[in-house]
């Protein structure tokens, strides 16, 4: 199979070069099963298992036996904090726990590869020569995104959700961080740290030339 090439744009939105994709990595294959596993694992790791209930031994009070064992005609009771009573303990209730688990590295890599291939198949992956700005101004960053036909001036409608854009670069500097932090629809990450969930959840991906090379090397290992 012949290797696919994608255009590279500059900050003004003009095509200046092409990027030849590694055919062993970007072969267009999408494996929904591994993507599903990666997404479920990521969401499980984000879950905070803080729900907590008190057992009979943890509820305050109830140390004295309410009445004697026999002779009253009433049922036997050892504590007013019995689970059968109001304000009593809870049987088999939830307790703080962790839901996170670790997927094998092979599955995580395959899921990331499938996510990137899906975006390439959808023509929603844009390669940028470099994302550099002179001043730490949000309007300069928005101008670059607008030149790539990523414009968020329109309002959110009832039937159409707001598009999420993912920007992957090789390294952040202070000016770039300040310029990008106030763009609500934009998520940024380093190419070495990206994962399948954020790739799949983004409607469009903007990746710099060097970041894509780093991603390719990462998936080859």
N, C-alpha and C. Protein backbone atom coordinates (compact mmCIF):
# COMPACT_ATOMS: atom_id res chain seq x y z
N UNK A 1 0.83 -1.19 0.00
CA UNK A 1 0.00 0.00 0.00
C UNK A 1 0.87 1.25 0.00
N UNK A 2 0.50 2.19 -0.83
CA UNK A 2 1.29 3.42 -0.95
C UNK A 2 1.03 4.33 0.25
N UNK A 3 2.12 4.95 0.74
CA UNK A 3 2.00 5.84 1.89
C UNK A 3 1.19 7.07 1.54
N UNK A 4 0.35 7.49 2.46
CA UNK A 4 -0.51 8.65 2.25
C UNK A 4 0.22 9.92 2.68
N UNK A 5 -0.05 11.00 1.99
CA UNK A 5 0.55 12.29 2.33
C UNK A 5 -0.54 13.29 2.66
N UNK A 6 -0.26 14.15 3.66
CA UNK A 6 -1.18 15.19 4.06
C UNK A 6 -0.52 16.55 3.88
N UNK A 7 -1.30 17.57 3.55
CA UNK A 7 -0.71 18.91 3.37
C UNK A 7 -0.30 19.52 4.71
N UNK A 8 0.75 20.34 4.66
CA UNK A 8 1.21 21.09 5.82
C UNK A 8 0.90 22.57 5.58
N UNK A 9 0.27 23.20 6.56
CA UNK A 9 -0.11 24.60 6.44
C UNK A 9 0.75 25.47 7.35
N UNK A 10 0.92 26.73 6.92
CA UNK A 10 1.60 27.68 7.80
C UNK A 10 0.57 28.41 8.64
N UNK A 11 1.01 29.36 9.44
CA UNK A 11 0.09 30.05 10.35
C UNK A 11 -0.90 30.95 9.62
N UNK A 12 -0.68 31.16 8.33
CA UNK A 12 -1.61 31.96 7.54
C UNK A 12 -2.62 31.11 6.79
N UNK A 13 -2.54 29.79 6.99
CA UNK A 13 -3.49 28.88 6.36
C UNK A 13 -3.13 28.48 4.95
N UNK A 14 -1.89 28.76 4.52
CA UNK A 14 -1.47 28.42 3.16
C UNK A 14 -0.70 27.11 3.17
N UNK A 15 -0.95 26.28 2.15
CA UNK A 15 -0.26 25.00 2.04
C UNK A 15 1.17 25.24 1.57
N UNK A 16 2.14 24.76 2.36
CA UNK A 16 3.54 25.02 2.04
C UNK A 16 4.33 23.74 1.78
N UNK A 17 3.79 22.60 2.19
CA UNK A 17 4.55 21.36 2.04
C UNK A 17 3.60 20.19 2.26
N UNK A 18 4.12 18.99 2.15
CA UNK A 18 3.35 17.79 2.43
C UNK A 18 4.09 16.92 3.43
N UNK A 19 3.32 16.16 4.19
CA UNK A 19 3.90 15.26 5.19
C UNK A 19 3.55 13.84 4.78
N UNK A 20 4.57 13.03 4.56
CA UNK A 20 4.36 11.64 4.17
C UNK A 20 4.18 10.78 5.42
N UNK A 21 3.01 10.20 5.56
CA UNK A 21 2.70 9.39 6.73
C UNK A 21 3.36 8.03 6.65
N UNK A 22 3.73 7.52 7.80
CA UNK A 22 4.31 6.18 7.88
C UNK A 22 3.20 5.16 7.61
N UNK A 23 3.34 4.39 6.55
CA UNK A 23 2.28 3.46 6.15
C UNK A 23 2.09 2.32 7.14
N UNK A 24 3.10 2.04 7.95
CA UNK A 24 2.96 0.98 8.96
C UNK A 24 2.14 1.45 10.16
N UNK A 25 2.08 2.73 10.39
CA UNK A 25 1.31 3.29 11.50
C UNK A 25 -0.04 3.81 11.03
N UNK A 26 0.00 4.67 10.02
CA UNK A 26 -1.22 5.29 9.50
C UNK A 26 -1.70 4.54 8.26
N UNK A 27 -2.25 3.37 8.52
CA UNK A 27 -2.72 2.52 7.42
C UNK A 27 -4.24 2.59 7.24
N UNK A 28 -4.89 3.47 7.98
CA UNK A 28 -6.34 3.63 7.86
C UNK A 28 -7.16 2.64 8.66
N UNK A 29 -6.51 1.73 9.39
CA UNK A 29 -7.21 0.70 10.15
C UNK A 29 -7.69 1.27 11.49
N UNK A 30 -8.96 1.04 11.79
CA UNK A 30 -9.54 1.48 13.06
C UNK A 30 -10.10 0.25 13.77
N UNK A 31 -9.64 0.02 14.99
CA UNK A 31 -10.10 -1.12 15.79
C UNK A 31 -11.04 -0.61 16.89
N UNK A 32 -12.35 -0.71 16.69
CA UNK A 32 -13.29 -0.17 17.69
C UNK A 32 -13.16 -0.82 19.06
N UNK A 33 -12.76 -2.10 19.09
CA UNK A 33 -12.70 -2.83 20.36
C UNK A 33 -11.64 -2.23 21.29
N UNK A 34 -10.45 -1.97 20.76
CA UNK A 34 -9.39 -1.42 21.62
C UNK A 34 -9.67 0.04 21.98
N UNK A 35 -10.32 0.77 21.06
CA UNK A 35 -10.71 2.15 21.38
C UNK A 35 -11.70 2.16 22.53
N UNK A 36 -12.65 1.25 22.49
CA UNK A 36 -13.65 1.15 23.56
C UNK A 36 -12.97 0.84 24.89
N UNK A 37 -12.04 -0.09 24.88
CA UNK A 37 -11.34 -0.43 26.12
C UNK A 37 -10.57 0.76 26.68
N UNK A 38 -9.91 1.51 25.79
CA UNK A 38 -9.13 2.66 26.23
C UNK A 38 -10.02 3.76 26.79
N UNK A 39 -11.15 4.00 26.15
CA UNK A 39 -12.07 5.05 26.62
C UNK A 39 -12.67 4.68 27.98
N UNK A 40 -13.09 3.42 28.14
CA UNK A 40 -13.68 2.98 29.40
C UNK A 40 -12.64 3.05 30.52
N UNK A 41 -11.41 2.67 30.23
CA UNK A 41 -10.35 2.71 31.24
C UNK A 41 -10.05 4.15 31.64
N UNK A 42 -10.02 5.06 30.67
CA UNK A 42 -9.75 6.47 30.98
C UNK A 42 -10.85 7.05 31.86
N UNK A 43 -12.11 6.80 31.50
CA UNK A 43 -13.22 7.32 32.29
C UNK A 43 -13.25 6.71 33.69
N UNK A 44 -12.86 5.44 33.80
CA UNK A 44 -12.81 4.80 35.11
C UNK A 44 -11.74 5.46 35.99
N UNK A 45 -10.63 5.83 35.37
CA UNK A 45 -9.56 6.49 36.14
C UNK A 45 -9.97 7.90 36.58
N UNK A 46 -10.89 8.53 35.85
CA UNK A 46 -11.36 9.86 36.23
C UNK A 46 -12.42 9.79 37.33
N UNK A 47 -12.96 8.63 37.56
CA UNK A 47 -14.05 8.48 38.53
C UNK A 47 -13.52 8.56 39.96
N UNK A 48 -14.22 9.30 40.79
CA UNK A 48 -13.84 9.44 42.19
C UNK A 48 -14.81 8.64 43.04
N UNK A 49 -14.34 7.55 43.60
CA UNK A 49 -15.22 6.70 44.40
C UNK A 49 -15.31 7.19 45.83
N UNK A 50 -16.05 8.27 46.05
CA UNK A 50 -16.14 8.90 47.37
C UNK A 50 -17.42 8.55 48.13
N UNK A 51 -18.35 7.82 47.50
CA UNK A 51 -19.59 7.46 48.19
C UNK A 51 -19.28 6.63 49.42
N UNK A 52 -19.91 6.98 50.55
CA UNK A 52 -19.59 6.29 51.80
C UNK A 52 -20.82 6.19 52.69
N UNK A 53 -20.98 5.06 53.33
CA UNK A 53 -22.04 4.85 54.32
C UNK A 53 -21.42 4.27 55.58
N UNK A 54 -22.14 4.35 56.67
CA UNK A 54 -21.65 3.84 57.95
C UNK A 54 -22.34 2.52 58.28
N UNK A 55 -21.54 1.57 58.73
CA UNK A 55 -22.09 0.30 59.17
C UNK A 55 -22.62 0.45 60.59
N UNK A 56 -23.19 -0.60 61.12
CA UNK A 56 -23.74 -0.57 62.48
C UNK A 56 -22.66 -0.24 63.51
N UNK A 57 -21.45 -0.68 63.25
CA UNK A 57 -20.36 -0.42 64.18
C UNK A 57 -19.80 0.98 64.10
N UNK A 58 -20.13 1.71 63.03
CA UNK A 58 -19.59 3.05 62.83
C UNK A 58 -20.57 4.16 63.20
N UNK A 59 -21.87 3.85 63.28
CA UNK A 59 -22.87 4.86 63.65
C UNK A 59 -22.74 5.16 65.14
N UNK A 60 -22.81 6.44 65.48
CA UNK A 60 -22.66 6.82 66.88
C UNK A 60 -23.88 6.39 67.68
N UNK A 61 -23.65 6.03 68.94
CA UNK A 61 -24.74 5.61 69.83
C UNK A 61 -25.01 4.12 69.71
N UNK A 62 -26.01 3.70 70.46
CA UNK A 62 -26.42 2.29 70.38
C UNK A 62 -25.59 1.35 71.21
N UNK A 63 -24.88 1.87 72.19
CA UNK A 63 -24.05 0.99 73.00
C UNK A 63 -24.82 0.19 74.03
N UNK A 64 -25.94 0.75 74.48
CA UNK A 64 -26.74 0.08 75.52
C UNK A 64 -27.87 -0.72 74.88
N UNK A 65 -28.14 -1.86 75.45
CA UNK A 65 -29.25 -2.69 74.97
C UNK A 65 -30.56 -1.99 75.34
N UNK A 66 -31.48 -1.80 74.38
CA UNK A 66 -32.70 -1.01 74.65
C UNK A 66 -33.57 -1.59 75.76
N UNK A 67 -33.76 -2.88 75.76
CA UNK A 67 -34.52 -3.55 76.82
C UNK A 67 -33.98 -4.96 76.99
N UNK A 68 -34.43 -5.57 78.06
CA UNK A 68 -33.90 -6.89 78.37
C UNK A 68 -34.31 -7.91 77.31
N UNK A 69 -33.58 -9.00 77.29
CA UNK A 69 -33.75 -9.98 76.22
C UNK A 69 -35.13 -10.63 76.26
N UNK A 70 -35.60 -10.97 77.43
CA UNK A 70 -36.87 -11.73 77.54
C UNK A 70 -37.85 -11.02 78.46
N UNK A 71 -39.11 -11.38 78.30
CA UNK A 71 -40.13 -10.95 79.24
C UNK A 71 -40.88 -9.70 78.86
N UNK A 72 -40.50 -9.00 77.81
CA UNK A 72 -41.22 -7.78 77.45
C UNK A 72 -42.26 -8.02 76.38
N UNK A 73 -42.19 -9.13 75.69
CA UNK A 73 -43.12 -9.42 74.61
C UNK A 73 -42.71 -8.81 73.28
N UNK A 74 -41.62 -8.08 73.31
CA UNK A 74 -41.14 -7.46 72.07
C UNK A 74 -39.98 -8.27 71.47
N UNK A 75 -39.66 -7.94 70.26
CA UNK A 75 -38.58 -8.67 69.59
C UNK A 75 -37.24 -8.41 70.26
N UNK A 76 -36.33 -9.33 70.09
CA UNK A 76 -34.99 -9.19 70.67
C UNK A 76 -34.22 -8.10 69.92
N UNK A 77 -33.64 -7.18 70.64
CA UNK A 77 -32.86 -6.09 70.04
C UNK A 77 -31.60 -5.89 70.87
N UNK A 78 -30.48 -5.82 70.21
CA UNK A 78 -29.22 -5.61 70.93
C UNK A 78 -28.75 -4.17 70.87
N UNK A 79 -29.24 -3.37 69.89
CA UNK A 79 -28.77 -2.00 69.75
C UNK A 79 -29.83 -1.19 69.01
N UNK A 80 -29.93 0.10 69.36
CA UNK A 80 -30.86 0.96 68.63
C UNK A 80 -30.28 1.38 67.28
N UNK A 81 -29.06 0.97 66.98
CA UNK A 81 -28.44 1.27 65.69
C UNK A 81 -28.45 0.05 64.76
N UNK A 82 -29.38 -0.84 65.01
CA UNK A 82 -29.56 -1.99 64.13
C UNK A 82 -29.97 -1.51 62.73
N UNK A 83 -29.53 -2.17 61.66
CA UNK A 83 -29.93 -1.78 60.29
C UNK A 83 -31.44 -1.79 60.08
N UNK A 84 -32.19 -2.47 60.96
CA UNK A 84 -33.65 -2.52 60.83
C UNK A 84 -34.30 -1.25 61.38
N UNK A 85 -33.53 -0.48 62.13
CA UNK A 85 -34.09 0.69 62.80
C UNK A 85 -33.74 1.96 62.04
N UNK A 86 -34.58 2.99 62.25
CA UNK A 86 -34.28 4.31 61.72
C UNK A 86 -33.01 4.84 62.38
N UNK A 87 -32.18 5.48 61.60
CA UNK A 87 -30.87 5.98 62.04
C UNK A 87 -29.88 4.85 62.33
N UNK A 88 -30.23 3.64 61.91
CA UNK A 88 -29.31 2.54 62.12
C UNK A 88 -28.23 2.48 61.05
N UNK A 89 -27.35 1.51 61.17
CA UNK A 89 -26.27 1.34 60.19
C UNK A 89 -26.81 0.82 58.87
N UNK A 90 -25.95 0.86 57.86
CA UNK A 90 -26.32 0.42 56.51
C UNK A 90 -25.61 -0.90 56.22
N UNK A 91 -26.37 -1.85 55.68
CA UNK A 91 -25.81 -3.15 55.34
C UNK A 91 -25.34 -3.14 53.89
N UNK A 92 -24.12 -3.52 53.65
CA UNK A 92 -23.55 -3.61 52.29
C UNK A 92 -23.62 -2.28 51.54
N UNK A 93 -23.47 -1.18 52.23
CA UNK A 93 -23.47 0.12 51.59
C UNK A 93 -22.14 0.43 50.93
N UNK A 94 -22.10 1.47 50.10
CA UNK A 94 -20.83 1.82 49.42
C UNK A 94 -19.81 2.42 50.38
N UNK A 95 -18.57 2.19 50.07
CA UNK A 95 -17.45 2.76 50.82
C UNK A 95 -16.43 3.32 49.83
N UNK A 96 -15.63 4.30 50.24
CA UNK A 96 -14.64 4.87 49.32
C UNK A 96 -13.77 3.79 48.69
N UNK A 97 -13.63 3.89 47.38
CA UNK A 97 -12.84 2.88 46.65
C UNK A 97 -12.31 3.50 45.37
N UNK A 98 -11.34 2.85 44.80
CA UNK A 98 -10.78 3.30 43.53
C UNK A 98 -11.31 2.46 42.38
N UNK A 99 -11.63 3.12 41.27
CA UNK A 99 -12.16 2.43 40.10
C UNK A 99 -11.09 2.29 38.99
N UNK A 100 -9.94 2.89 39.20
CA UNK A 100 -8.94 2.92 38.13
C UNK A 100 -8.26 1.56 37.96
N UNK A 101 -7.84 1.32 36.75
CA UNK A 101 -7.05 0.13 36.44
C UNK A 101 -6.15 0.46 35.26
N UNK A 102 -5.15 -0.35 35.06
CA UNK A 102 -4.14 -0.08 34.04
C UNK A 102 -4.32 -1.04 32.87
N UNK A 103 -4.43 -0.46 31.68
CA UNK A 103 -4.49 -1.28 30.46
C UNK A 103 -3.08 -1.64 30.02
N UNK A 104 -2.92 -2.76 29.35
CA UNK A 104 -1.60 -3.08 28.78
C UNK A 104 -1.15 -2.01 27.80
N UNK A 105 0.14 -1.75 27.76
CA UNK A 105 0.68 -0.72 26.88
C UNK A 105 0.35 -0.99 25.42
N UNK A 106 0.29 -2.26 25.05
CA UNK A 106 0.00 -2.61 23.66
C UNK A 106 -1.41 -2.16 23.26
N UNK A 107 -2.37 -2.31 24.18
CA UNK A 107 -3.75 -1.90 23.89
C UNK A 107 -3.84 -0.38 23.85
N UNK A 108 -3.15 0.31 24.76
CA UNK A 108 -3.18 1.78 24.76
C UNK A 108 -2.60 2.34 23.46
N UNK A 109 -1.52 1.73 23.01
CA UNK A 109 -0.89 2.18 21.77
C UNK A 109 -1.79 1.90 20.56
N UNK A 110 -2.41 0.73 20.55
CA UNK A 110 -3.30 0.38 19.44
C UNK A 110 -4.53 1.30 19.41
N UNK A 111 -5.02 1.69 20.58
CA UNK A 111 -6.18 2.59 20.64
C UNK A 111 -5.82 3.98 20.13
N UNK A 112 -4.65 4.47 20.51
CA UNK A 112 -4.20 5.79 20.03
C UNK A 112 -4.00 5.77 18.52
N UNK A 113 -3.42 4.69 18.03
CA UNK A 113 -3.21 4.55 16.59
C UNK A 113 -4.56 4.53 15.86
N UNK A 114 -5.53 3.81 16.39
CA UNK A 114 -6.85 3.74 15.76
C UNK A 114 -7.53 5.10 15.78
N UNK A 115 -7.38 5.83 16.88
CA UNK A 115 -7.98 7.15 16.97
C UNK A 115 -7.41 8.11 15.94
N UNK A 116 -6.11 8.10 15.76
CA UNK A 116 -5.48 8.97 14.77
C UNK A 116 -5.88 8.57 13.35
N UNK A 117 -5.94 7.28 13.10
CA UNK A 117 -6.37 6.80 11.77
C UNK A 117 -7.81 7.22 11.48
N UNK A 118 -8.66 7.20 12.52
CA UNK A 118 -10.05 7.61 12.34
C UNK A 118 -10.13 9.08 11.94
N UNK A 119 -9.32 9.92 12.57
CA UNK A 119 -9.33 11.34 12.24
C UNK A 119 -8.78 11.60 10.84
N UNK A 120 -7.79 10.82 10.43
CA UNK A 120 -7.26 10.96 9.07
C UNK A 120 -8.30 10.52 8.05
N UNK A 121 -9.00 9.43 8.34
CA UNK A 121 -10.05 8.97 7.44
C UNK A 121 -11.18 9.99 7.30
N UNK A 122 -11.43 10.74 8.38
CA UNK A 122 -12.50 11.75 8.37
C UNK A 122 -12.02 13.11 7.83
N UNK A 123 -10.73 13.19 7.51
CA UNK A 123 -10.13 14.46 7.06
C UNK A 123 -10.28 15.57 8.09
N UNK A 124 -10.13 15.21 9.36
CA UNK A 124 -10.24 16.20 10.44
C UNK A 124 -8.91 16.39 11.18
N UNK A 125 -7.83 15.90 10.59
CA UNK A 125 -6.50 16.11 11.16
C UNK A 125 -5.76 17.12 10.30
N UNK A 126 -5.35 18.23 10.91
CA UNK A 126 -4.68 19.32 10.21
C UNK A 126 -3.24 19.41 10.71
N UNK A 127 -2.30 19.42 9.77
CA UNK A 127 -0.89 19.53 10.13
C UNK A 127 -0.45 20.98 9.96
N UNK A 128 0.12 21.52 11.02
CA UNK A 128 0.59 22.90 11.02
C UNK A 128 2.12 22.88 11.05
N UNK A 129 2.73 23.76 10.27
CA UNK A 129 4.19 23.81 10.22
C UNK A 129 4.77 24.08 11.61
N UNK A 130 4.26 25.10 12.28
CA UNK A 130 4.68 25.42 13.64
C UNK A 130 3.67 26.39 14.23
N UNK A 131 3.46 26.30 15.53
CA UNK A 131 2.51 27.20 16.19
C UNK A 131 3.33 28.18 17.03
N UNK A 132 3.68 29.29 16.43
CA UNK A 132 4.48 30.30 17.12
C UNK A 132 3.76 31.63 17.08
N UNK A 133 3.80 32.35 18.21
CA UNK A 133 3.24 33.69 18.28
C UNK A 133 4.27 34.61 18.91
N UNK A 134 4.22 35.87 18.51
CA UNK A 134 5.19 36.83 19.02
C UNK A 134 4.84 37.33 20.41
N UNK A 135 3.55 37.57 20.64
CA UNK A 135 3.10 38.09 21.93
C UNK A 135 2.11 37.12 22.57
N UNK A 136 2.08 37.08 23.89
CA UNK A 136 1.14 36.17 24.57
C UNK A 136 -0.29 36.70 24.54
N UNK A 137 -0.85 36.82 23.34
CA UNK A 137 -2.18 37.35 23.15
C UNK A 137 -3.11 36.29 22.58
N UNK A 138 -4.28 36.16 23.18
CA UNK A 138 -5.24 35.16 22.72
C UNK A 138 -5.69 35.44 21.29
N UNK A 139 -5.82 36.71 20.94
CA UNK A 139 -6.30 37.04 19.59
C UNK A 139 -5.33 36.57 18.50
N UNK A 140 -4.02 36.50 18.83
CA UNK A 140 -3.06 36.00 17.85
C UNK A 140 -3.23 34.50 17.64
N UNK A 141 -3.49 33.78 18.73
CA UNK A 141 -3.73 32.34 18.61
C UNK A 141 -5.03 32.06 17.86
N UNK A 142 -6.06 32.84 18.16
CA UNK A 142 -7.35 32.67 17.48
C UNK A 142 -7.21 32.98 15.98
N UNK A 143 -6.38 33.95 15.65
CA UNK A 143 -6.16 34.31 14.24
C UNK A 143 -5.55 33.14 13.47
N UNK A 144 -4.60 32.44 14.11
CA UNK A 144 -4.00 31.27 13.46
C UNK A 144 -5.04 30.17 13.25
N UNK A 145 -5.87 29.93 14.27
CA UNK A 145 -6.89 28.91 14.17
C UNK A 145 -7.93 29.27 13.11
N UNK A 146 -8.25 30.57 13.01
CA UNK A 146 -9.21 31.02 12.00
C UNK A 146 -8.66 30.84 10.59
N UNK A 147 -7.36 31.01 10.44
CA UNK A 147 -6.74 30.81 9.12
C UNK A 147 -6.80 29.35 8.69
N UNK A 148 -6.94 28.45 9.66
CA UNK A 148 -7.07 27.02 9.38
C UNK A 148 -8.54 26.61 9.26
N UNK A 149 -9.41 27.62 9.16
CA UNK A 149 -10.87 27.42 9.04
C UNK A 149 -11.44 26.80 10.31
N UNK A 150 -10.84 27.16 11.44
CA UNK A 150 -11.39 26.77 12.74
C UNK A 150 -11.87 28.05 13.39
N UNK A 151 -13.14 28.34 13.21
CA UNK A 151 -13.71 29.60 13.68
C UNK A 151 -14.88 29.31 14.60
N UNK A 152 -14.82 29.82 15.81
CA UNK A 152 -15.86 29.52 16.80
C UNK A 152 -16.71 30.74 17.14
N UNK A 153 -16.90 31.64 16.18
CA UNK A 153 -17.71 32.81 16.45
C UNK A 153 -19.20 32.49 16.53
N UNK A 154 -19.61 31.41 15.87
CA UNK A 154 -21.03 31.04 15.89
C UNK A 154 -21.47 30.54 17.25
N UNK A 155 -22.76 30.70 17.54
CA UNK A 155 -23.29 30.28 18.83
C UNK A 155 -23.71 28.82 18.79
N UNK A 156 -23.72 28.25 19.96
CA UNK A 156 -24.16 26.86 20.08
C UNK A 156 -25.67 26.78 19.86
N UNK A 157 -26.10 25.84 19.04
CA UNK A 157 -27.52 25.63 18.80
C UNK A 157 -28.02 24.45 19.63
N UNK A 158 -29.34 24.26 19.62
CA UNK A 158 -29.92 23.21 20.44
C UNK A 158 -29.58 21.83 19.91
N UNK A 159 -29.50 21.69 18.60
CA UNK A 159 -29.28 20.38 17.99
C UNK A 159 -27.82 20.10 17.65
N UNK A 160 -26.99 21.12 17.72
CA UNK A 160 -25.59 20.94 17.34
C UNK A 160 -24.68 21.30 18.51
N UNK A 161 -23.89 20.33 18.95
CA UNK A 161 -22.98 20.58 20.06
C UNK A 161 -21.75 21.34 19.59
N UNK A 162 -21.12 22.02 20.51
CA UNK A 162 -19.94 22.79 20.18
C UNK A 162 -18.78 21.86 19.82
N UNK A 163 -18.06 22.22 18.80
CA UNK A 163 -16.94 21.39 18.37
C UNK A 163 -15.75 21.57 19.31
N UNK A 164 -15.09 20.48 19.58
CA UNK A 164 -13.88 20.52 20.39
C UNK A 164 -12.68 20.37 19.47
N UNK A 165 -11.68 21.19 19.68
CA UNK A 165 -10.46 21.16 18.88
C UNK A 165 -9.30 20.78 19.79
N UNK A 166 -8.50 19.85 19.34
CA UNK A 166 -7.32 19.41 20.09
C UNK A 166 -6.08 19.89 19.38
N UNK A 167 -5.21 20.57 20.12
CA UNK A 167 -3.94 21.05 19.59
C UNK A 167 -2.81 20.23 20.21
N UNK A 168 -2.04 19.57 19.37
CA UNK A 168 -0.91 18.77 19.83
C UNK A 168 0.38 19.42 19.34
N UNK A 169 1.26 19.75 20.27
CA UNK A 169 2.55 20.34 19.91
C UNK A 169 3.66 19.59 20.63
N UNK A 170 4.88 19.92 20.26
CA UNK A 170 6.02 19.21 20.85
C UNK A 170 6.45 19.82 22.17
N UNK A 171 6.36 21.15 22.27
CA UNK A 171 6.81 21.81 23.50
C UNK A 171 6.07 23.13 23.68
N UNK A 172 5.69 23.44 24.91
CA UNK A 172 5.03 24.69 25.23
C UNK A 172 6.04 25.71 25.74
N UNK A 173 5.82 26.97 25.37
CA UNK A 173 6.56 28.05 26.02
C UNK A 173 5.56 28.92 26.77
N UNK A 174 6.06 29.85 27.57
CA UNK A 174 5.19 30.66 28.42
C UNK A 174 4.20 31.49 27.61
N UNK A 175 4.67 32.11 26.53
CA UNK A 175 3.79 32.96 25.71
C UNK A 175 2.65 32.15 25.12
N UNK A 176 2.97 30.96 24.65
CA UNK A 176 1.94 30.12 24.02
C UNK A 176 0.91 29.65 25.05
N UNK A 177 1.37 29.30 26.24
CA UNK A 177 0.44 28.88 27.29
C UNK A 177 -0.55 29.99 27.63
N UNK A 178 -0.03 31.22 27.76
CA UNK A 178 -0.89 32.35 28.10
C UNK A 178 -1.89 32.65 26.99
N UNK A 179 -1.46 32.47 25.75
CA UNK A 179 -2.33 32.78 24.61
C UNK A 179 -3.43 31.75 24.43
N UNK A 180 -3.17 30.51 24.78
CA UNK A 180 -4.12 29.44 24.50
C UNK A 180 -5.08 29.13 25.65
N UNK A 181 -4.77 29.59 26.85
CA UNK A 181 -5.53 29.13 28.02
C UNK A 181 -6.96 29.65 28.05
N UNK A 182 -7.26 30.76 27.35
CA UNK A 182 -8.60 31.33 27.39
C UNK A 182 -9.48 30.94 26.22
N UNK A 183 -9.02 30.04 25.37
CA UNK A 183 -9.83 29.60 24.23
C UNK A 183 -10.66 28.40 24.69
N UNK A 184 -11.94 28.63 24.87
CA UNK A 184 -12.80 27.64 25.53
C UNK A 184 -12.95 26.34 24.75
N UNK A 185 -12.95 26.42 23.43
CA UNK A 185 -13.18 25.22 22.62
C UNK A 185 -11.92 24.44 22.32
N UNK A 186 -10.78 24.94 22.81
CA UNK A 186 -9.48 24.34 22.47
C UNK A 186 -8.90 23.57 23.65
N UNK A 187 -8.46 22.35 23.39
CA UNK A 187 -7.72 21.55 24.37
C UNK A 187 -6.31 21.37 23.85
N UNK A 188 -5.34 21.58 24.70
CA UNK A 188 -3.94 21.47 24.28
C UNK A 188 -3.24 20.36 25.06
N UNK A 189 -2.27 19.75 24.41
CA UNK A 189 -1.48 18.70 25.07
C UNK A 189 -0.19 18.51 24.29
N UNK A 190 0.75 17.89 24.95
CA UNK A 190 2.00 17.51 24.28
C UNK A 190 1.78 16.21 23.52
N UNK A 191 2.48 16.08 22.42
CA UNK A 191 2.32 14.87 21.60
C UNK A 191 2.72 13.61 22.37
N UNK A 192 3.68 13.74 23.26
CA UNK A 192 4.16 12.57 24.00
C UNK A 192 3.18 12.13 25.08
N UNK A 193 2.22 13.02 25.44
CA UNK A 193 1.29 12.71 26.52
C UNK A 193 -0.14 12.45 26.06
N UNK A 194 -0.42 12.63 24.78
CA UNK A 194 -1.80 12.47 24.32
C UNK A 194 -2.25 11.02 24.43
N UNK A 195 -3.56 10.82 24.46
CA UNK A 195 -4.12 9.48 24.62
C UNK A 195 -5.35 9.33 23.75
N UNK A 196 -5.85 8.12 23.67
CA UNK A 196 -6.93 7.80 22.74
C UNK A 196 -8.21 8.58 23.05
N UNK A 197 -8.52 8.77 24.33
CA UNK A 197 -9.79 9.43 24.68
C UNK A 197 -9.85 10.85 24.16
N UNK A 198 -8.79 11.63 24.36
CA UNK A 198 -8.85 13.03 23.92
C UNK A 198 -8.78 13.13 22.39
N UNK A 199 -8.14 12.15 21.74
CA UNK A 199 -8.11 12.14 20.27
C UNK A 199 -9.51 11.84 19.72
N UNK A 200 -10.18 10.85 20.30
CA UNK A 200 -11.51 10.46 19.83
C UNK A 200 -12.55 11.54 20.14
N UNK A 201 -12.45 12.18 21.30
CA UNK A 201 -13.47 13.15 21.70
C UNK A 201 -13.35 14.47 20.96
N UNK A 202 -12.21 14.74 20.32
CA UNK A 202 -12.05 15.98 19.57
C UNK A 202 -12.69 15.87 18.19
N UNK A 203 -13.32 16.96 17.75
CA UNK A 203 -13.90 16.99 16.41
C UNK A 203 -12.82 17.25 15.36
N UNK A 204 -11.85 18.08 15.73
CA UNK A 204 -10.73 18.36 14.84
C UNK A 204 -9.44 18.33 15.64
N UNK A 205 -8.36 17.92 14.97
CA UNK A 205 -7.05 17.87 15.61
C UNK A 205 -6.08 18.71 14.79
N UNK A 206 -5.41 19.62 15.46
CA UNK A 206 -4.34 20.40 14.85
C UNK A 206 -3.04 19.93 15.47
N UNK A 207 -2.13 19.45 14.65
CA UNK A 207 -0.87 18.92 15.15
C UNK A 207 0.27 19.55 14.37
N UNK A 208 1.32 19.94 15.07
CA UNK A 208 2.47 20.53 14.38
C UNK A 208 3.29 19.42 13.71
N UNK A 209 4.12 19.83 12.79
CA UNK A 209 4.93 18.87 12.04
C UNK A 209 5.83 18.04 12.98
N UNK A 210 6.51 18.73 13.91
CA UNK A 210 7.41 18.03 14.82
C UNK A 210 6.64 17.14 15.80
N UNK A 211 5.46 17.60 16.21
CA UNK A 211 4.65 16.79 17.12
C UNK A 211 4.18 15.51 16.45
N UNK A 212 3.84 15.58 15.16
CA UNK A 212 3.40 14.39 14.44
C UNK A 212 4.56 13.41 14.26
N UNK A 213 5.75 13.93 14.04
CA UNK A 213 6.92 13.06 13.97
C UNK A 213 7.16 12.36 15.32
N UNK A 214 6.98 13.11 16.40
CA UNK A 214 7.16 12.52 17.71
C UNK A 214 6.10 11.46 17.99
N UNK A 215 4.87 11.72 17.55
CA UNK A 215 3.80 10.73 17.69
C UNK A 215 4.11 9.46 16.91
N UNK A 216 4.61 9.64 15.69
CA UNK A 216 4.95 8.49 14.86
C UNK A 216 6.03 7.65 15.51
N UNK A 217 7.06 8.30 16.04
CA UNK A 217 8.14 7.57 16.73
C UNK A 217 7.62 6.87 17.98
N UNK A 218 6.68 7.51 18.66
CA UNK A 218 6.11 6.92 19.87
C UNK A 218 5.33 5.65 19.54
N UNK A 219 4.59 5.67 18.43
CA UNK A 219 3.79 4.50 18.06
C UNK A 219 4.62 3.38 17.46
N UNK A 220 5.83 3.70 17.02
CA UNK A 220 6.70 2.68 16.46
C UNK A 220 7.35 1.81 17.53
N UNK A 221 7.48 2.34 18.73
CA UNK A 221 8.20 1.63 19.79
C UNK A 221 7.41 0.41 20.26
